[in-house]
PDB file of all heavy atoms in Angstrom:
ATOM      1  N   HIS A   1       1.305 -42.065 -16.282  1.00  0.00           N
ATOM      2  CA  HIS A   1       0.038 -42.617 -16.771  1.00  0.00           C
ATOM      3  C   HIS A   1      -1.012 -41.517 -16.602  1.00  0.00           C
ATOM      4  O   HIS A   1      -1.652 -41.406 -15.555  1.00  0.00           O
ATOM      5  CB  HIS A   1      -0.355 -43.877 -16.001  1.00  0.00           C
ATOM      6  CG  HIS A   1       0.618 -44.999 -16.167  1.00  0.00           C
ATOM      7  ND1 HIS A   1       1.804 -45.086 -15.461  1.00  0.00           N
ATOM      8  CD2 HIS A   1       0.596 -46.078 -16.989  1.00  0.00           C
ATOM      9  CE1 HIS A   1       2.457 -46.177 -15.827  1.00  0.00           C
ATOM     10  NE2 HIS A   1       1.746 -46.798 -16.754  1.00  0.00           N
ATOM     11  N   LEU A   2      -1.188 -40.698 -17.610  1.00  0.00           N
ATOM     12  CA  LEU A   2      -2.019 -39.509 -17.503  1.00  0.00           C
ATOM     13  C   LEU A   2      -3.489 -39.832 -17.754  1.00  0.00           C
ATOM     14  O   LEU A   2      -3.824 -40.797 -18.445  1.00  0.00           O
ATOM     15  CB  LEU A   2      -1.538 -38.449 -18.490  1.00  0.00           C
ATOM     16  CG  LEU A   2      -0.077 -38.005 -18.314  1.00  0.00           C
ATOM     17  CD1 LEU A   2       0.291 -36.970 -19.365  1.00  0.00           C
ATOM     18  CD2 LEU A   2       0.179 -37.459 -16.919  1.00  0.00           C
ATOM     19  N   VAL A   3      -4.366 -38.977 -17.174  1.00  0.00           N
ATOM     20  CA  VAL A   3      -5.811 -39.141 -17.313  1.00  0.00           C
ATOM     21  C   VAL A   3      -6.404 -37.805 -17.759  1.00  0.00           C
ATOM     22  O   VAL A   3      -5.691 -36.812 -17.930  1.00  0.00           O
ATOM     23  CB  VAL A   3      -6.447 -39.616 -15.986  1.00  0.00           C
ATOM     24  CG1 VAL A   3      -5.995 -41.035 -15.662  1.00  0.00           C
ATOM     25  CG2 VAL A   3      -6.088 -38.670 -14.835  1.00  0.00           C
ATOM     26  N   SER A   4      -7.735 -37.762 -17.913  1.00  0.00           N
ATOM     27  CA  SER A   4      -8.373 -36.575 -18.480  1.00  0.00           C
ATOM     28  C   SER A   4      -8.184 -35.338 -17.609  1.00  0.00           C
ATOM     29  O   SER A   4      -8.144 -34.211 -18.122  1.00  0.00           O
ATOM     30  CB  SER A   4      -9.860 -36.837 -18.705  1.00  0.00           C
ATOM     31  OG  SER A   4     -10.504 -37.164 -17.483  1.00  0.00           O
ATOM     32  N   THR A   5      -8.073 -35.500 -16.291  1.00  0.00           N
ATOM     33  CA  THR A   5      -7.884 -34.335 -15.426  1.00  0.00           C
ATOM     34  C   THR A   5      -6.464 -33.775 -15.508  1.00  0.00           C
ATOM     35  O   THR A   5      -6.169 -32.765 -14.861  1.00  0.00           O
ATOM     36  CB  THR A   5      -8.216 -34.685 -13.961  1.00  0.00           C
ATOM     37  OG1 THR A   5      -7.555 -35.904 -13.594  1.00  0.00           O
ATOM     38  CG2 THR A   5      -9.714 -34.844 -13.766  1.00  0.00           C
ATOM     39  N   ASP A   6      -5.617 -34.394 -16.288  1.00  0.00           N
ATOM     40  CA  ASP A   6      -4.286 -33.850 -16.556  1.00  0.00           C
ATOM     41  C   ASP A   6      -4.243 -33.040 -17.852  1.00  0.00           C
ATOM     42  O   ASP A   6      -3.165 -32.634 -18.293  1.00  0.00           O
ATOM     43  CB  ASP A   6      -3.256 -34.990 -16.656  1.00  0.00           C
ATOM     44  CG  ASP A   6      -3.105 -35.756 -15.359  1.00  0.00           C
ATOM     45  OD1 ASP A   6      -2.931 -35.116 -14.316  1.00  0.00           O
ATOM     46  OD2 ASP A   6      -3.161 -37.004 -15.395  1.00  0.00           O
ATOM     47  N   SER A   7      -5.396 -32.805 -18.465  1.00  0.00           N
ATOM     48  CA  SER A   7      -5.391 -32.192 -19.791  1.00  0.00           C
ATOM     49  C   SER A   7      -4.834 -30.773 -19.778  1.00  0.00           C
ATOM     50  O   SER A   7      -4.189 -30.343 -20.736  1.00  0.00           O
ATOM     51  CB  SER A   7      -6.801 -32.201 -20.385  1.00  0.00           C
ATOM     52  OG  SER A   7      -7.699 -31.478 -19.564  1.00  0.00           O
ATOM     53  N   GLY A   8      -5.059 -30.008 -18.711  1.00  0.00           N
ATOM     54  CA  GLY A   8      -4.486 -28.672 -18.631  1.00  0.00           C
ATOM     55  C   GLY A   8      -2.971 -28.709 -18.584  1.00  0.00           C
ATOM     56  O   GLY A   8      -2.287 -27.879 -19.205  1.00  0.00           O
ATOM     57  N   ILE A   9      -2.440 -29.666 -17.859  1.00  0.00           N
ATOM     58  CA  ILE A   9      -0.985 -29.833 -17.781  1.00  0.00           C
ATOM     59  C   ILE A   9      -0.425 -30.259 -19.136  1.00  0.00           C
ATOM     60  O   ILE A   9       0.595 -29.740 -19.606  1.00  0.00           O
ATOM     61  CB  ILE A   9      -0.632 -30.863 -16.689  1.00  0.00           C
ATOM     62  CG1 ILE A   9      -0.922 -30.271 -15.307  1.00  0.00           C
ATOM     63  CG2 ILE A   9       0.819 -31.312 -16.793  1.00  0.00           C
ATOM     64  CD1 ILE A   9      -0.802 -31.246 -14.178  1.00  0.00           C
ATOM     65  N   ILE A  10      -1.095 -31.206 -19.786  1.00  0.00           N
ATOM     66  CA  ILE A  10      -0.646 -31.666 -21.108  1.00  0.00           C
ATOM     67  C   ILE A  10      -0.615 -30.496 -22.081  1.00  0.00           C
ATOM     68  O   ILE A  10       0.361 -30.302 -22.822  1.00  0.00           O
ATOM     69  CB  ILE A  10      -1.569 -32.785 -21.621  1.00  0.00           C
ATOM     70  CG1 ILE A  10      -1.459 -34.024 -20.719  1.00  0.00           C
ATOM     71  CG2 ILE A  10      -1.233 -33.135 -23.066  1.00  0.00           C
ATOM     72  CD1 ILE A  10      -2.548 -35.058 -20.981  1.00  0.00           C
ATOM     73  N   HIS A  11      -1.667 -29.695 -22.075  1.00  0.00           N
ATOM     74  CA  HIS A  11      -1.758 -28.568 -22.989  1.00  0.00           C
ATOM     75  C   HIS A  11      -0.636 -27.563 -22.726  1.00  0.00           C
ATOM     76  O   HIS A  11      -0.018 -27.035 -23.661  1.00  0.00           O
ATOM     77  CB  HIS A  11      -3.120 -27.894 -22.827  1.00  0.00           C
ATOM     78  CG  HIS A  11      -3.626 -27.249 -24.075  1.00  0.00           C
ATOM     79  ND1 HIS A  11      -4.507 -27.857 -24.929  1.00  0.00           N
ATOM     80  CD2 HIS A  11      -3.355 -26.041 -24.621  1.00  0.00           C
ATOM     81  CE1 HIS A  11      -4.770 -27.059 -25.935  1.00  0.00           C
ATOM     82  NE2 HIS A  11      -4.082 -25.936 -25.777  1.00  0.00           N
ATOM     83  N   THR A  12      -0.374 -27.304 -21.457  1.00  0.00           N
ATOM     84  CA  THR A  12       0.676 -26.355 -21.096  1.00  0.00           C
ATOM     85  C   THR A  12       2.047 -26.849 -21.515  1.00  0.00           C
ATOM     86  O   THR A  12       2.875 -26.079 -22.022  1.00  0.00           O
ATOM     87  CB  THR A  12       0.638 -26.082 -19.585  1.00  0.00           C
ATOM     88  OG1 THR A  12      -0.615 -25.461 -19.254  1.00  0.00           O
ATOM     89  CG2 THR A  12       1.783 -25.202 -19.139  1.00  0.00           C
ATOM     90  N   ARG A  13       2.302 -28.129 -21.319  1.00  0.00           N
ATOM     91  CA  ARG A  13       3.586 -28.698 -21.744  1.00  0.00           C
ATOM     92  C   ARG A  13       3.822 -28.458 -23.237  1.00  0.00           C
ATOM     93  O   ARG A  13       4.909 -28.036 -23.651  1.00  0.00           O
ATOM     94  CB  ARG A  13       3.618 -30.200 -21.465  1.00  0.00           C
ATOM     95  CG  ARG A  13       3.728 -30.566 -20.011  1.00  0.00           C
ATOM     96  CD  ARG A  13       3.696 -32.073 -19.850  1.00  0.00           C
ATOM     97  NE  ARG A  13       3.686 -32.454 -18.446  1.00  0.00           N
ATOM     98  CZ  ARG A  13       3.575 -33.703 -18.013  1.00  0.00           C
ATOM     99  NH1 ARG A  13       3.450 -34.693 -18.907  1.00  0.00           N
ATOM    100  NH2 ARG A  13       3.580 -33.965 -16.714  1.00  0.00           N
ATOM    101  N   TYR A  14       2.808 -28.749 -24.029  1.00  0.00           N
ATOM    102  CA  TYR A  14       2.990 -28.625 -25.474  1.00  0.00           C
ATOM    103  C   TYR A  14       3.055 -27.168 -25.911  1.00  0.00           C
ATOM    104  O   TYR A  14       3.714 -26.851 -26.908  1.00  0.00           O
ATOM    105  CB  TYR A  14       1.897 -29.403 -26.216  1.00  0.00           C
ATOM    106  CG  TYR A  14       2.220 -30.879 -26.248  1.00  0.00           C
ATOM    107  CD1 TYR A  14       1.588 -31.772 -25.393  1.00  0.00           C
ATOM    108  CD2 TYR A  14       3.210 -31.371 -27.100  1.00  0.00           C
ATOM    109  CE1 TYR A  14       1.918 -33.119 -25.393  1.00  0.00           C
ATOM    110  CE2 TYR A  14       3.536 -32.714 -27.111  1.00  0.00           C
ATOM    111  CZ  TYR A  14       2.891 -33.585 -26.254  1.00  0.00           C
ATOM    112  OH  TYR A  14       3.233 -34.923 -26.256  1.00  0.00           O
ATOM    113  N   ARG A  15       2.407 -26.285 -25.157  1.00  0.00           N
ATOM    114  CA  ARG A  15       2.548 -24.853 -25.479  1.00  0.00           C
ATOM    115  C   ARG A  15       3.993 -24.418 -25.284  1.00  0.00           C
ATOM    116  O   ARG A  15       4.556 -23.699 -26.119  1.00  0.00           O
ATOM    117  CB  ARG A  15       1.618 -24.038 -24.581  1.00  0.00           C
ATOM    118  CG  ARG A  15       1.614 -22.534 -24.910  1.00  0.00           C
ATOM    119  CD  ARG A  15       0.893 -22.268 -26.210  1.00  0.00           C
ATOM    120  NE  ARG A  15       0.759 -20.841 -26.473  1.00  0.00           N
ATOM    121  CZ  ARG A  15       1.643 -20.110 -27.160  1.00  0.00           C
ATOM    122  NH1 ARG A  15       2.727 -20.696 -27.667  1.00  0.00           N
ATOM    123  NH2 ARG A  15       1.445 -18.824 -27.346  1.00  0.00           N
ATOM    124  N   LEU A  16       4.604 -24.819 -24.178  1.00  0.00           N
ATOM    125  CA  LEU A  16       6.000 -24.477 -23.918  1.00  0.00           C
ATOM    126  C   LEU A  16       6.925 -25.198 -24.887  1.00  0.00           C
ATOM    127  O   LEU A  16       7.856 -24.588 -25.459  1.00  0.00           O
ATOM    128  CB  LEU A  16       6.354 -24.829 -22.472  1.00  0.00           C
ATOM    129  CG  LEU A  16       7.804 -24.582 -22.032  1.00  0.00           C
ATOM    130  CD1 LEU A  16       8.210 -23.129 -22.229  1.00  0.00           C
ATOM    131  CD2 LEU A  16       7.990 -24.993 -20.576  1.00  0.00           C
ATOM    132  N   LEU A  17       6.682 -26.472 -25.099  1.00  0.00           N
ATOM    133  CA  LEU A  17       7.510 -27.237 -26.035  1.00  0.00           C
ATOM    134  C   LEU A  17       7.459 -26.665 -27.443  1.00  0.00           C
ATOM    135  O   LEU A  17       8.502 -26.490 -28.091  1.00  0.00           O
ATOM    136  CB  LEU A  17       7.037 -28.701 -26.066  1.00  0.00           C
ATOM    137  CG  LEU A  17       7.698 -29.683 -25.115  1.00  0.00           C
ATOM    138  CD1 LEU A  17       6.939 -31.008 -25.145  1.00  0.00           C
ATOM    139  CD2 LEU A  17       9.155 -29.904 -25.484  1.00  0.00           C
ATOM    140  N   ASN A  18       6.258 -26.381 -27.921  1.00  0.00           N
ATOM    141  CA  ASN A  18       6.131 -25.875 -29.284  1.00  0.00           C
ATOM    142  C   ASN A  18       6.778 -24.504 -29.446  1.00  0.00           C
ATOM    143  O   ASN A  18       7.353 -24.200 -30.496  1.00  0.00           O
ATOM    144  CB  ASN A  18       4.654 -25.826 -29.684  1.00  0.00           C
ATOM    145  CG  ASN A  18       4.055 -27.211 -29.857  1.00  0.00           C
ATOM    146  OD1 ASN A  18       4.775 -28.180 -30.087  1.00  0.00           O
ATOM    147  ND2 ASN A  18       2.742 -27.322 -29.727  1.00  0.00           N
ATOM    148  N   ALA A  19       6.689 -23.667 -28.391  1.00  0.00           N
ATOM    149  CA  ALA A  19       7.345 -22.363 -28.458  1.00  0.00           C
ATOM    150  C   ALA A  19       8.860 -22.532 -28.507  1.00  0.00           C
ATOM    151  O   ALA A  19       9.554 -21.837 -29.262  1.00  0.00           O
ATOM    152  CB  ALA A  19       6.943 -21.511 -27.256  1.00  0.00           C
ATOM    153  N   SER A  20       9.394 -23.464 -27.708  1.00  0.00           N
ATOM    154  CA  SER A  20      10.839 -23.711 -27.711  1.00  0.00           C
ATOM    155  C   SER A  20      11.301 -24.258 -29.054  1.00  0.00           C
ATOM    156  O   SER A  20      12.334 -23.845 -29.597  1.00  0.00           O
ATOM    157  CB  SER A  20      11.204 -24.683 -26.583  1.00  0.00           C
ATOM    158  OG  SER A  20      10.905 -24.140 -25.313  1.00  0.00           O
ATOM    159  N   LYS A  21      10.543 -25.194 -29.617  1.00  0.00           N
ATOM    160  CA  LYS A  21      10.913 -25.790 -30.897  1.00  0.00           C
ATOM    161  C   LYS A  21      10.804 -24.777 -32.036  1.00  0.00           C
ATOM    162  O   LYS A  21      11.641 -24.755 -32.942  1.00  0.00           O
ATOM    163  CB  LYS A  21      10.030 -27.004 -31.178  1.00  0.00           C
ATOM    164  CG  LYS A  21      10.310 -28.199 -30.280  1.00  0.00           C
ATOM    165  CD  LYS A  21       9.356 -29.349 -30.590  1.00  0.00           C
ATOM    166  CE  LYS A  21       9.647 -30.564 -29.722  1.00  0.00           C
ATOM    167  NZ  LYS A  21       8.698 -31.681 -30.003  1.00  0.00           N
ATOM    168  N   ALA A  22       9.771 -23.934 -32.001  1.00  0.00           N
ATOM    169  CA  ALA A  22       9.614 -22.940 -33.055  1.00  0.00           C
ATOM    170  C   ALA A  22      10.790 -21.971 -33.059  1.00  0.00           C
ATOM    171  O   ALA A  22      11.314 -21.610 -34.123  1.00  0.00           O
ATOM    172  CB  ALA A  22       8.302 -22.174 -32.870  1.00  0.00           C
ATOM    173  N   PHE A  23      11.229 -21.561 -31.872  1.00  0.00           N
ATOM    174  CA  PHE A  23      12.382 -20.663 -31.822  1.00  0.00           C
ATOM    175  C   PHE A  23      13.648 -21.376 -32.276  1.00  0.00           C
ATOM    176  O   PHE A  23      14.452 -20.824 -33.033  1.00  0.00           O
ATOM    177  CB  PHE A  23      12.559 -20.112 -30.406  1.00  0.00           C
ATOM    178  CG  PHE A  23      13.763 -19.226 -30.272  1.00  0.00           C
ATOM    179  CD1 PHE A  23      13.843 -18.038 -30.967  1.00  0.00           C
ATOM    180  CD2 PHE A  23      14.835 -19.601 -29.476  1.00  0.00           C
ATOM    181  CE1 PHE A  23      14.959 -17.224 -30.869  1.00  0.00           C
ATOM    182  CE2 PHE A  23      15.957 -18.804 -29.375  1.00  0.00           C
ATOM    183  CZ  PHE A  23      16.014 -17.607 -30.073  1.00  0.00           C
ATOM    184  N   ARG A  24      13.807 -22.621 -31.861  1.00  0.00           N
ATOM    185  CA  ARG A  24      14.984 -23.393 -32.275  1.00  0.00           C
ATOM    186  C   ARG A  24      15.020 -23.600 -33.782  1.00  0.00           C
ATOM    187  O   ARG A  24      16.073 -23.432 -34.413  1.00  0.00           O
ATOM    188  CB  ARG A  24      14.970 -24.758 -31.579  1.00  0.00           C
ATOM    189  CG  ARG A  24      16.117 -25.683 -31.968  1.00  0.00           C
ATOM    190  CD  ARG A  24      15.826 -27.127 -31.562  1.00  0.00           C
ATOM    191  NE  ARG A  24      14.671 -27.666 -32.295  1.00  0.00           N
ATOM    192  CZ  ARG A  24      14.121 -28.858 -32.039  1.00  0.00           C
ATOM    193  NH1 ARG A  24      14.604 -29.613 -31.073  1.00  0.00           N
ATOM    194  NH2 ARG A  24      13.089 -29.288 -32.751  1.00  0.00           N
ATOM    195  N   ASP A  25      13.884 -23.921 -34.365  1.00  0.00           N
ATOM    196  CA  ASP A  25      13.859 -24.332 -35.774  1.00  0.00           C
ATOM    197  C   ASP A  25      13.723 -23.167 -36.747  1.00  0.00           C
ATOM    198  O   ASP A  25      14.262 -23.220 -37.858  1.00  0.00           O
ATOM    199  CB  ASP A  25      12.699 -25.312 -35.995  1.00  0.00           C
ATOM    200  CG  ASP A  25      12.858 -26.603 -35.195  1.00  0.00           C
ATOM    201  OD1 ASP A  25      13.990 -26.906 -34.774  1.00  0.00           O
ATOM    202  OD2 ASP A  25      11.839 -27.285 -34.971  1.00  0.00           O
ATOM    203  N   THR A  26      12.999 -22.134 -36.358  1.00  0.00           N
ATOM    204  CA  THR A  26      12.727 -21.046 -37.301  1.00  0.00           C
ATOM    205  C   THR A  26      13.088 -19.662 -36.785  1.00  0.00           C
ATOM    206  O   THR A  26      13.017 -18.688 -37.540  1.00  0.00           O
ATOM    207  CB  THR A  26      11.229 -21.038 -37.683  1.00  0.00           C
ATOM    208  OG1 THR A  26      10.457 -20.643 -36.540  1.00  0.00           O
ATOM    209  CG2 THR A  26      10.774 -22.412 -38.164  1.00  0.00           C
ATOM    210  N   GLY A  27      13.419 -19.565 -35.499  1.00  0.00           N
ATOM    211  CA  GLY A  27      13.687 -18.248 -34.915  1.00  0.00           C
ATOM    212  C   GLY A  27      12.437 -17.495 -34.527  1.00  0.00           C
ATOM    213  O   GLY A  27      12.519 -16.350 -34.065  1.00  0.00           O
ATOM    214  N   GLU A  28      11.270 -18.120 -34.661  1.00  0.00           N
ATOM    215  CA  GLU A  28      10.010 -17.454 -34.311  1.00  0.00           C
ATOM    216  C   GLU A  28       9.861 -17.390 -32.794  1.00  0.00           C
ATOM    217  O   GLU A  28      10.034 -18.381 -32.088  1.00  0.00           O
ATOM    218  CB  GLU A  28       8.826 -18.210 -34.902  1.00  0.00           C
ATOM    219  CG  GLU A  28       7.474 -17.612 -34.544  1.00  0.00           C
ATOM    220  CD  GLU A  28       6.310 -18.477 -34.994  1.00  0.00           C
ATOM    221  OE1 GLU A  28       6.549 -19.548 -35.586  1.00  0.00           O
ATOM    222  OE2 GLU A  28       5.158 -18.081 -34.737  1.00  0.00           O
ATOM    223  N   LEU A  29       9.494 -16.215 -32.287  1.00  0.00           N
ATOM    224  CA  LEU A  29       9.282 -16.002 -30.867  1.00  0.00           C
ATOM    225  C   LEU A  29       7.803 -15.767 -30.583  1.00  0.00           C
ATOM    226  O   LEU A  29       7.074 -15.239 -31.436  1.00  0.00           O
ATOM    227  CB  LEU A  29      10.089 -14.807 -30.376  1.00  0.00           C
ATOM    228  CG  LEU A  29      11.606 -15.023 -30.269  1.00  0.00           C
ATOM    229  CD1 LEU A  29      12.324 -13.688 -30.117  1.00  0.00           C
ATOM    230  CD2 LEU A  29      11.934 -15.944 -29.094  1.00  0.00           C
ATOM    231  N   PRO A  30       7.320 -16.118 -29.393  1.00  0.00           N
ATOM    232  CA  PRO A  30       5.926 -15.834 -29.043  1.00  0.00           C
ATOM    233  C   PRO A  30       5.647 -14.333 -29.074  1.00  0.00           C
ATOM    234  O   PRO A  30       6.539 -13.517 -28.811  1.00  0.00           O
ATOM    235  CB  PRO A  30       5.801 -16.396 -27.616  1.00  0.00           C
ATOM    236  CG  PRO A  30       6.904 -17.398 -27.495  1.00  0.00           C
ATOM    237  CD  PRO A  30       8.024 -16.870 -28.326  1.00  0.00           C
ATOM    238  N   PRO A  31       4.415 -13.939 -29.376  1.00  0.00           N
ATOM    239  CA  PRO A  31       4.083 -12.506 -29.456  1.00  0.00           C
ATOM    240  C   PRO A  31       4.366 -11.742 -28.171  1.00  0.00           C
ATOM    241  O   PRO A  31       4.648 -10.544 -28.201  1.00  0.00           O
ATOM    242  CB  PRO A  31       2.581 -12.513 -29.780  1.00  0.00           C
ATOM    243  CG  PRO A  31       2.309 -13.851 -30.374  1.00  0.00           C
ATOM    244  CD  PRO A  31       3.278 -14.797 -29.736  1.00  0.00           C
ATOM    245  N   SER A  32       4.288 -12.418 -27.027  1.00  0.00           N
ATOM    246  CA  SER A  32       4.439 -11.722 -25.750  1.00  0.00           C
ATOM    247  C   SER A  32       5.851 -11.219 -25.505  1.00  0.00           C
ATOM    248  O   SER A  32       6.057 -10.375 -24.622  1.00  0.00           O
ATOM    249  CB  SER A  32       4.021 -12.646 -24.596  1.00  0.00           C
ATOM    250  OG  SER A  32       4.738 -13.869 -24.622  1.00  0.00           O
ATOM    251  N   VAL A  33       6.852 -11.703 -26.248  1.00  0.00           N
ATOM    252  CA  VAL A  33       8.204 -11.189 -26.088  1.00  0.00           C
ATOM    253  C   VAL A  33       8.233  -9.685 -26.364  1.00  0.00           C
ATOM    254  O   VAL A  33       8.899  -8.918 -25.647  1.00  0.00           O
ATOM    255  CB  VAL A  33       9.188 -11.935 -27.014  1.00  0.00           C
ATOM    256  CG1 VAL A  33      10.536 -11.205 -27.077  1.00  0.00           C
ATOM    257  CG2 VAL A  33       9.391 -13.363 -26.525  1.00  0.00           C
ATOM    258  N   ASP A  34       7.515  -9.244 -27.385  1.00  0.00           N
ATOM    259  CA  ASP A  34       7.561  -7.846 -27.801  1.00  0.00           C
ATOM    260  C   ASP A  34       6.317  -7.042 -27.432  1.00  0.00           C
ATOM    261  O   ASP A  34       6.314  -5.821 -27.596  1.00  0.00           O
ATOM    262  CB  ASP A  34       7.771  -7.759 -29.315  1.00  0.00           C
ATOM    263  CG  ASP A  34       9.154  -8.237 -29.724  1.00  0.00           C
ATOM    264  OD1 ASP A  34      10.138  -7.667 -29.210  1.00  0.00           O
ATOM    265  OD2 ASP A  34       9.250  -9.178 -30.529  1.00  0.00           O
ATOM    266  N   ASP A  35       5.281  -7.709 -26.928  1.00  0.00           N
ATOM    267  CA  ASP A  35       4.048  -7.006 -26.586  1.00  0.00           C
ATOM    268  C   ASP A  35       3.776  -7.148 -25.093  1.00  0.00           C
ATOM    269  O   ASP A  35       3.189  -8.140 -24.646  1.00  0.00           O
ATOM    270  CB  ASP A  35       2.879  -7.566 -27.391  1.00  0.00           C
ATOM    271  CG  ASP A  35       1.592  -6.773 -27.185  1.00  0.00           C
ATOM    272  OD1 ASP A  35       1.573  -5.896 -26.300  1.00  0.00           O
ATOM    273  OD2 ASP A  35       0.611  -7.046 -27.902  1.00  0.00           O
ATOM    274  N   PRO A  36       4.194  -6.170 -24.292  1.00  0.00           N
ATOM    275  CA  PRO A  36       4.031  -6.296 -22.840  1.00  0.00           C
ATOM    276  C   PRO A  36       2.579  -6.321 -22.393  1.00  0.00           C
ATOM    277  O   PRO A  36       2.265  -6.830 -21.312  1.00  0.00           O
ATOM    278  CB  PRO A  36       4.756  -5.069 -22.294  1.00  0.00           C
ATOM    279  CG  PRO A  36       4.726  -4.074 -23.408  1.00  0.00           C
ATOM    280  CD  PRO A  36       4.817  -4.887 -24.663  1.00  0.00           C
ATOM    281  N   THR A  37       1.647  -5.793 -23.206  1.00  0.00           N
ATOM    282  CA  THR A  37       0.247  -5.748 -22.806  1.00  0.00           C
ATOM    283  C   THR A  37      -0.389  -7.130 -22.751  1.00  0.00           C
ATOM    284  O   THR A  37      -1.428  -7.310 -22.101  1.00  0.00           O
ATOM    285  CB  THR A  37      -0.564  -4.852 -23.753  1.00  0.00           C
ATOM    286  OG1 THR A  37      -0.601  -5.443 -25.059  1.00  0.00           O
ATOM    287  CG2 THR A  37       0.048  -3.459 -23.856  1.00  0.00           C
ATOM    288  N   LEU A  38       0.211  -8.110 -23.413  1.00  0.00           N
ATOM    289  CA  LEU A  38      -0.347  -9.465 -23.391  1.00  0.00           C
ATOM    290  C   LEU A  38      -0.255 -10.096 -22.002  1.00  0.00           C
ATOM    291  O   LEU A  38      -0.928 -11.097 -21.729  1.00  0.00           O
ATOM    292  CB  LEU A  38       0.363 -10.346 -24.416  1.00  0.00           C
ATOM    293  CG  LEU A  38       0.098 -10.002 -25.886  1.00  0.00           C
ATOM    294  CD1 LEU A  38       0.921 -10.902 -26.806  1.00  0.00           C
ATOM    295  CD2 LEU A  38      -1.384 -10.119 -26.214  1.00  0.00           C
ATOM    296  N   PHE A  39       0.583  -9.539 -21.129  1.00  0.00           N
ATOM    297  CA  PHE A  39       0.706 -10.055 -19.767  1.00  0.00           C
ATOM    298  C   PHE A  39      -0.398  -9.533 -18.843  1.00  0.00           C
ATOM    299  O   PHE A  39      -0.495  -9.983 -17.697  1.00  0.00           O
ATOM    300  CB  PHE A  39       2.069  -9.668 -19.177  1.00  0.00           C
ATOM    301  CG  PHE A  39       3.236 -10.338 -19.844  1.00  0.00           C
ATOM    302  CD1 PHE A  39       3.817  -9.796 -20.977  1.00  0.00           C
ATOM    303  CD2 PHE A  39       3.756 -11.522 -19.340  1.00  0.00           C
ATOM    304  CE1 PHE A  39       4.905 -10.412 -21.591  1.00  0.00           C
ATOM    305  CE2 PHE A  39       4.829 -12.147 -19.948  1.00  0.00           C
ATOM    306  CZ  PHE A  39       5.402 -11.592 -21.074  1.00  0.00           C
ATOM    307  N   ALA A  40      -1.193  -8.594 -19.317  1.00  0.00           N
ATOM    308  CA  ALA A  40      -2.197  -7.943 -18.476  1.00  0.00           C
ATOM    309  C   ALA A  40      -3.461  -8.791 -18.408  1.00  0.00           C
ATOM    310  O   ALA A  40      -4.525  -8.418 -18.922  1.00  0.00           O
ATOM    311  CB  ALA A  40      -2.505  -6.545 -18.996  1.00  0.00           C
ATOM    312  N   VAL A  41      -3.347  -9.953 -17.773  1.00  0.00           N
ATOM    313  CA  VAL A  41      -4.469 -10.883 -17.650  1.00  0.00           C
ATOM    314  C   VAL A  41      -4.631 -11.274 -16.182  1.00  0.00           C
ATOM    315  O   VAL A  41      -3.744 -11.073 -15.362  1.00  0.00           O
ATOM    316  CB  VAL A  41      -4.258 -12.141 -18.514  1.00  0.00           C
ATOM    317  CG1 VAL A  41      -4.218 -11.781 -19.985  1.00  0.00           C
ATOM    318  CG2 VAL A  41      -2.996 -12.895 -18.109  1.00  0.00           C
ATOM    319  N   ARG A  42      -5.787 -11.841 -15.897  1.00  0.00           N
ATOM    320  CA  ARG A  42      -6.101 -12.348 -14.563  1.00  0.00           C
ATOM    321  C   ARG A  42      -6.647 -13.766 -14.676  1.00  0.00           C
ATOM    322  O   ARG A  42      -7.083 -14.191 -15.732  1.00  0.00           O
ATOM    323  CB  ARG A  42      -7.167 -11.485 -13.881  1.00  0.00           C
ATOM    324  CG  ARG A  42      -6.757 -10.076 -13.541  1.00  0.00           C
ATOM    325  CD  ARG A  42      -7.953  -9.304 -12.994  1.00  0.00           C
ATOM    326  NE  ARG A  42      -7.596  -7.948 -12.588  1.00  0.00           N
ATOM    327  CZ  ARG A  42      -8.477  -7.015 -12.258  1.00  0.00           C
ATOM    328  NH1 ARG A  42      -9.777  -7.301 -12.284  1.00  0.00           N
ATOM    329  NH2 ARG A  42      -8.080  -5.809 -11.888  1.00  0.00           N
TER     330      ARG A  42
END
């Protein structure tokens, strides 16, 4: 039973889910697979 303070978790779930489904359905991979500089965040 989720509430508004769970919105970050909800968003993260769908980011992971959508990336998994996109690879399954079309073979598309997230940009960070091939671009190591995208990990350079804080």
